[in-house]
């Protein structure tokens, strides 16, 4: 992966991390303004955030923060690995992002927060474009690796 693609992926990860921090802010009335604004944008009722909702949103933020930090850590070192191993890991990361996208978007639509599915689509397309542009899913010969267990 080129340095430009690495920088683009790092920025993508930092957006995920910041989003997690925004969600964590729901834990307290002193820090919940960004998460309330997010709910307002998505059309949800943000007027009453009781303790269970605060817990759920902040916990989701902690998971999102951890996911972003994990992706940042992994993607920042993949270029140091042998190409077949790196390609296999990129395929697995891409599959993980796809699973997140599908599950989170279906859940968002089912709970009347369809606008979140739109933002998910933007995140997923950005990830896919970086991966596609960087060609990290291709082996040295230019063909894709068919068996991820080979790495």
C-alpha atoms as a PDB file:
ATOM      1  CA  UNK A   1       0.000   0.000   0.000  1.00  0.00           C
ATOM      2  CA  UNK A   2       1.403   3.378  -0.951  1.00  0.00           C
ATOM      3  CA  UNK A   3       2.045   6.069   1.637  1.00  0.00           C
ATOM      4  CA  UNK A   4      -0.861   8.073   0.206  1.00  0.00           C
ATOM      5  CA  UNK A   5      -3.230   5.109   0.566  1.00  0.00           C
ATOM      6  CA  UNK A   6      -1.917   4.453   4.086  1.00  0.00           C
ATOM      7  CA  UNK A   7      -2.637   8.071   5.019  1.00  0.00           C
ATOM      8  CA  UNK A   8      -6.131   7.839   3.521  1.00  0.00           C
ATOM      9  CA  UNK A   9      -6.837   4.643   5.471  1.00  0.00           C
ATOM     10  CA  UNK A  10      -5.509   6.218   8.676  1.00  0.00           C
ATOM     11  CA  UNK A  11      -7.887   9.163   8.167  1.00  0.00           C
ATOM     12  CA  UNK A  12     -10.766   6.749   7.616  1.00  0.00           C
ATOM     13  CA  UNK A  13      -9.887   5.005  10.884  1.00  0.00           C
ATOM     14  CA  UNK A  14      -9.682   8.326  12.745  1.00  0.00           C
ATOM     15  CA  UNK A  15     -13.184   9.247  11.555  1.00  0.00           C
ATOM     16  CA  UNK A  16     -14.420   5.957  13.051  1.00  0.00           C
ATOM     17  CA  UNK A  17     -12.528   6.722  16.273  1.00  0.00           C
ATOM     18  CA  UNK A  18     -13.981  10.239  16.553  1.00  0.00           C
ATOM     19  CA  UNK A  19     -17.475   8.868  15.919  1.00  0.00           C
ATOM     20  CA  UNK A  20     -16.933   6.461  18.811  1.00  0.00           C
ATOM     21  CA  UNK A  21     -15.887   9.342  21.061  1.00  0.00           C
ATOM     22  CA  UNK A  22     -19.040  11.268  20.095  1.00  0.00           C
ATOM     23  CA  UNK A  23     -21.158   8.288  21.092  1.00  0.00           C
ATOM     24  CA  UNK A  24     -19.271   7.832  24.358  1.00  0.00           C
ATOM     25  CA  UNK A  25     -20.248  11.409  25.218  1.00  0.00           C
ATOM     26  CA  UNK A  26     -23.856  10.257  25.653  1.00  0.00           C
ATOM     27  CA  UNK A  27     -22.854   8.888  29.053  1.00  0.00           C
ATOM     28  CA  UNK A  28     -23.480  12.214  30.818  1.00  0.00           C
ATOM     29  CA  UNK A  29     -25.652  15.312  30.395  1.00  0.00           C
ATOM     30  CA  UNK A  30     -22.408  17.301  30.622  1.00  0.00           C
ATOM     31  CA  UNK A  31     -20.958  15.637  27.511  1.00  0.00           C
ATOM     32  CA  UNK A  32     -23.962  14.476  25.484  1.00  0.00           C
ATOM     33  CA  UNK A  33     -24.443  17.495  23.182  1.00  0.00           C
ATOM     34  CA  UNK A  34     -22.672  15.912  20.175  1.00  0.00           C
ATOM     35  CA  UNK A  35     -24.582  12.629  20.515  1.00  0.00           C
ATOM     36  CA  UNK A  36     -27.882  14.511  20.945  1.00  0.00           C
ATOM     37  CA  UNK A  37     -27.091  16.488  17.790  1.00  0.00           C
ATOM     38  CA  UNK A  38     -26.407  13.220  15.987  1.00  0.00           C
ATOM     39  CA  UNK A  39     -29.783  11.842  17.096  1.00  0.00           C
ATOM     40  CA  UNK A  40     -31.483  15.054  15.964  1.00  0.00           C
ATOM     41  CA  UNK A  41     -29.868  14.799  12.519  1.00  0.00           C
ATOM     42  CA  UNK A  42     -31.026  11.187  12.192  1.00  0.00           C
ATOM     43  CA  UNK A  43     -34.536  12.140  13.242  1.00  0.00           C
ATOM     44  CA  UNK A  44     -34.627  10.328  16.546  1.00  0.00           C
ATOM     45  CA  UNK A  45     -36.145  11.477  19.803  1.00  0.00           C
ATOM     46  CA  UNK A  46     -33.223  12.856  21.723  1.00  0.00           C
ATOM     47  CA  UNK A  47     -35.228  14.762  24.308  1.00  0.00           C
ATOM     48  CA  UNK A  48     -35.049  12.108  27.006  1.00  0.00           C
ATOM     49  CA  UNK A  49     -31.892  10.121  27.448  1.00  0.00           C
ATOM     50  CA  UNK A  50     -32.487   7.843  30.401  1.00  0.00           C
ATOM     51  CA  UNK A  51     -29.783   5.730  32.040  1.00  0.00           C
ATOM     52  CA  UNK A  52     -30.311   2.608  29.852  1.00  0.00           C
ATOM     53  CA  UNK A  53     -30.124   4.665  26.641  1.00  0.00           C
ATOM     54  CA  UNK A  54     -27.031   6.508  27.880  1.00  0.00           C
ATOM     55  CA  UNK A  55     -25.424   3.159  28.718  1.00  0.00           C
ATOM     56  CA  UNK A  56     -26.292   1.620  25.330  1.00  0.00           C
ATOM     57  CA  UNK A  57     -25.068   4.579  23.285  1.00  0.00           C
ATOM     58  CA  UNK A  58     -21.883   5.030  25.326  1.00  0.00           C
ATOM     59  CA  UNK A  59     -21.176   1.287  25.133  1.00  0.00           C
ATOM     60  CA  UNK A  60     -21.681   1.394  21.368  1.00  0.00           C
ATOM     61  CA  UNK A  61     -19.238   4.299  21.326  1.00  0.00           C
ATOM     62  CA  UNK A  62     -16.664   2.309  23.273  1.00  0.00           C
ATOM     63  CA  UNK A  63     -16.980  -0.583  20.834  1.00  0.00           C
ATOM     64  CA  UNK A  64     -16.740   1.801  17.862  1.00  0.00           C
ATOM     65  CA  UNK A  65     -13.690   3.478  19.389  1.00  0.00           C
ATOM     66  CA  UNK A  66     -12.040   0.099  19.944  1.00  0.00           C
ATOM     67  CA  UNK A  67     -12.921  -1.038  16.424  1.00  0.00           C
ATOM     68  CA  UNK A  68     -11.407   2.112  14.924  1.00  0.00           C
ATOM     69  CA  UNK A  69      -8.237   1.817  17.004  1.00  0.00           C
ATOM     70  CA  UNK A  70      -7.904  -1.862  16.075  1.00  0.00           C
ATOM     71  CA  UNK A  71      -8.316  -1.121  12.372  1.00  0.00           C
ATOM     72  CA  UNK A  72      -5.784   1.700  12.659  1.00  0.00           C
ATOM     73  CA  UNK A  73      -3.263  -0.584  14.365  1.00  0.00           C
ATOM     74  CA  UNK A  74      -3.681  -3.413  11.885  1.00  0.00           C
ATOM     75  CA  UNK A  75      -3.789  -1.327   8.706  1.00  0.00           C
ATOM     76  CA  UNK A  76      -0.749   0.695   9.746  1.00  0.00           C
ATOM     77  CA  UNK A  77       1.499  -2.402   9.771  1.00  0.00           C
ATOM     78  CA  UNK A  78       0.094  -4.517   6.933  1.00  0.00           C
ATOM     79  CA  UNK A  79       2.518  -2.982   4.418  1.00  0.00           C
ATOM     80  CA  UNK A  80       5.390  -4.602   6.378  1.00  0.00           C
ATOM     81  CA  UNK A  81       4.101  -8.132   5.762  1.00  0.00           C
ATOM     82  CA  UNK A  82       4.735 -10.397   2.791  1.00  0.00           C
ATOM     83  CA  UNK A  83       2.281  -9.574   0.018  1.00  0.00           C
ATOM     84  CA  UNK A  84       0.252 -12.849   0.218  1.00  0.00           C
ATOM     85  CA  UNK A  85      -0.119 -12.556   4.007  1.00  0.00           C
ATOM     86  CA  UNK A  86      -1.055  -8.879   3.785  1.00  0.00           C
ATOM     87  CA  UNK A  87      -3.535  -9.634   1.007  1.00  0.00           C
ATOM     88  CA  UNK A  88      -5.170 -12.326   3.111  1.00  0.00           C
ATOM     89  CA  UNK A  89      -5.508  -9.970   6.069  1.00  0.00           C
ATOM     90  CA  UNK A  90      -6.870  -7.186   3.851  1.00  0.00           C
ATOM     91  CA  UNK A  91      -9.499  -9.622   2.559  1.00  0.00           C
ATOM     92  CA  UNK A  92     -10.506 -10.497   6.111  1.00  0.00           C
ATOM     93  CA  UNK A  93     -10.656  -6.837   7.164  1.00  0.00           C
ATOM     94  CA  UNK A  94     -12.724  -6.035   4.101  1.00  0.00           C
ATOM     95  CA  UNK A  95     -15.100  -8.895   4.941  1.00  0.00           C
ATOM     96  CA  UNK A  96     -15.369  -7.570   8.517  1.00  0.00           C
ATOM     97  CA  UNK A  97     -16.246  -4.078   7.266  1.00  0.00           C
ATOM     98  CA  UNK A  98     -18.827  -5.610   4.916  1.00  0.00           C
ATOM     99  CA  UNK A  99     -20.420  -7.594   7.756  1.00  0.00           C
ATOM    100  CA  UNK A 100     -20.526  -4.450   9.926  1.00  0.00           C
ATOM    101  CA  UNK A 101     -22.082  -2.497   7.041  1.00  0.00           C
ATOM    102  CA  UNK A 102     -24.831  -5.031   6.373  1.00  0.00           C
ATOM    103  CA  UNK A 103     -25.754  -5.698  10.020  1.00  0.00           C
ATOM    104  CA  UNK A 104     -25.547  -2.076  11.160  1.00  0.00           C
ATOM    105  CA  UNK A 105     -27.496  -0.786   8.157  1.00  0.00           C
ATOM    106  CA  UNK A 106     -30.270  -3.377   8.472  1.00  0.00           C
ATOM    107  CA  UNK A 107     -30.504  -2.627  12.186  1.00  0.00           C
ATOM    108  CA  UNK A 108     -30.594   1.108  11.500  1.00  0.00           C
ATOM    109  CA  UNK A 109     -33.405   0.779   8.972  1.00  0.00           C
ATOM    110  CA  UNK A 110     -35.365  -1.611  11.202  1.00  0.00           C
ATOM    111  CA  UNK A 111     -35.211   0.858  14.101  1.00  0.00           C
ATOM    112  CA  UNK A 112     -36.274   3.893  12.037  1.00  0.00           C
ATOM    113  CA  UNK A 113     -32.763   5.364  11.853  1.00  0.00           C
ATOM    114  CA  UNK A 114     -32.350   4.870   8.104  1.00  0.00           C
ATOM    115  CA  UNK A 115     -30.167   7.966   7.840  1.00  0.00           C
ATOM    116  CA  UNK A 116     -27.496   6.018   9.741  1.00  0.00           C
ATOM    117  CA  UNK A 117     -27.542   3.500   6.883  1.00  0.00           C
ATOM    118  CA  UNK A 118     -26.729   6.390   4.558  1.00  0.00           C
ATOM    119  CA  UNK A 119     -23.708   7.378   6.653  1.00  0.00           C
ATOM    120  CA  UNK A 120     -22.728   3.699   6.827  1.00  0.00           C
ATOM    121  CA  UNK A 121     -22.809   3.613   3.037  1.00  0.00           C
ATOM    122  CA  UNK A 122     -20.487   6.615   2.846  1.00  0.00           C
ATOM    123  CA  UNK A 123     -18.056   4.942   5.305  1.00  0.00           C
ATOM    124  CA  UNK A 124     -18.194   1.607   3.449  1.00  0.00           C
ATOM    125  CA  UNK A 125     -17.697   3.209   0.032  1.00  0.00           C
ATOM    126  CA  UNK A 126     -14.755   5.243   1.334  1.00  0.00           C
ATOM    127  CA  UNK A 127     -13.146   2.077   2.738  1.00  0.00           C
ATOM    128  CA  UNK A 128     -13.815   0.154  -0.475  1.00  0.00           C
ATOM    129  CA  UNK A 129     -12.390   2.920  -2.655  1.00  0.00           C
ATOM    130  CA  UNK A 130      -9.188   3.098  -0.614  1.00  0.00           C
ATOM    131  CA  UNK A 131      -8.804  -0.682  -0.746  1.00  0.00           C
ATOM    132  CA  UNK A 132      -9.582  -0.795  -4.469  1.00  0.00           C
ATOM    133  CA  UNK A 133      -7.298   2.121  -5.334  1.00  0.00           C
ATOM    134  CA  UNK A 134      -4.407   0.716  -3.302  1.00  0.00           C
ATOM    135  CA  UNK A 135      -4.785  -2.748  -4.915  1.00  0.00           C
ATOM    136  CA  UNK A 136      -4.006  -4.454  -1.589  1.00  0.00           C
ATOM    137  CA  UNK A 137      -6.322  -7.336  -2.494  1.00  0.00           C
ATOM    138  CA  UNK A 138      -4.141  -8.317  -5.435  1.00  0.00           C
ATOM    139  CA  UNK A 139      -1.136 -10.614  -5.332  1.00  0.00           C
ATOM    140  CA  UNK A 140       2.198  -9.640  -6.933  1.00  0.00           C
ATOM    141  CA  UNK A 141       1.173 -11.294 -10.193  1.00  0.00           C
ATOM    142  CA  UNK A 142      -1.902  -9.101 -10.427  1.00  0.00           C
ATOM    143  CA  UNK A 143      -4.381 -11.892  -9.818  1.00  0.00           C
ATOM    144  CA  UNK A 144      -6.345 -12.117  -6.619  1.00  0.00           C
ATOM    145  CA  UNK A 145      -5.469 -14.708  -4.031  1.00  0.00           C
ATOM    146  CA  UNK A 146      -8.140 -17.374  -4.082  1.00  0.00           C
ATOM    147  CA  UNK A 147      -7.324 -19.176  -0.832  1.00  0.00           C
ATOM    148  CA  UNK A 148      -6.987 -16.990   2.271  1.00  0.00           C
ATOM    149  CA  UNK A 149      -5.740 -20.034   4.223  1.00  0.00           C
ATOM    150  CA  UNK A 150      -2.547 -19.966   2.138  1.00  0.00           C
ATOM    151  CA  UNK A 151      -1.288 -17.069   4.270  1.00  0.00           C
END
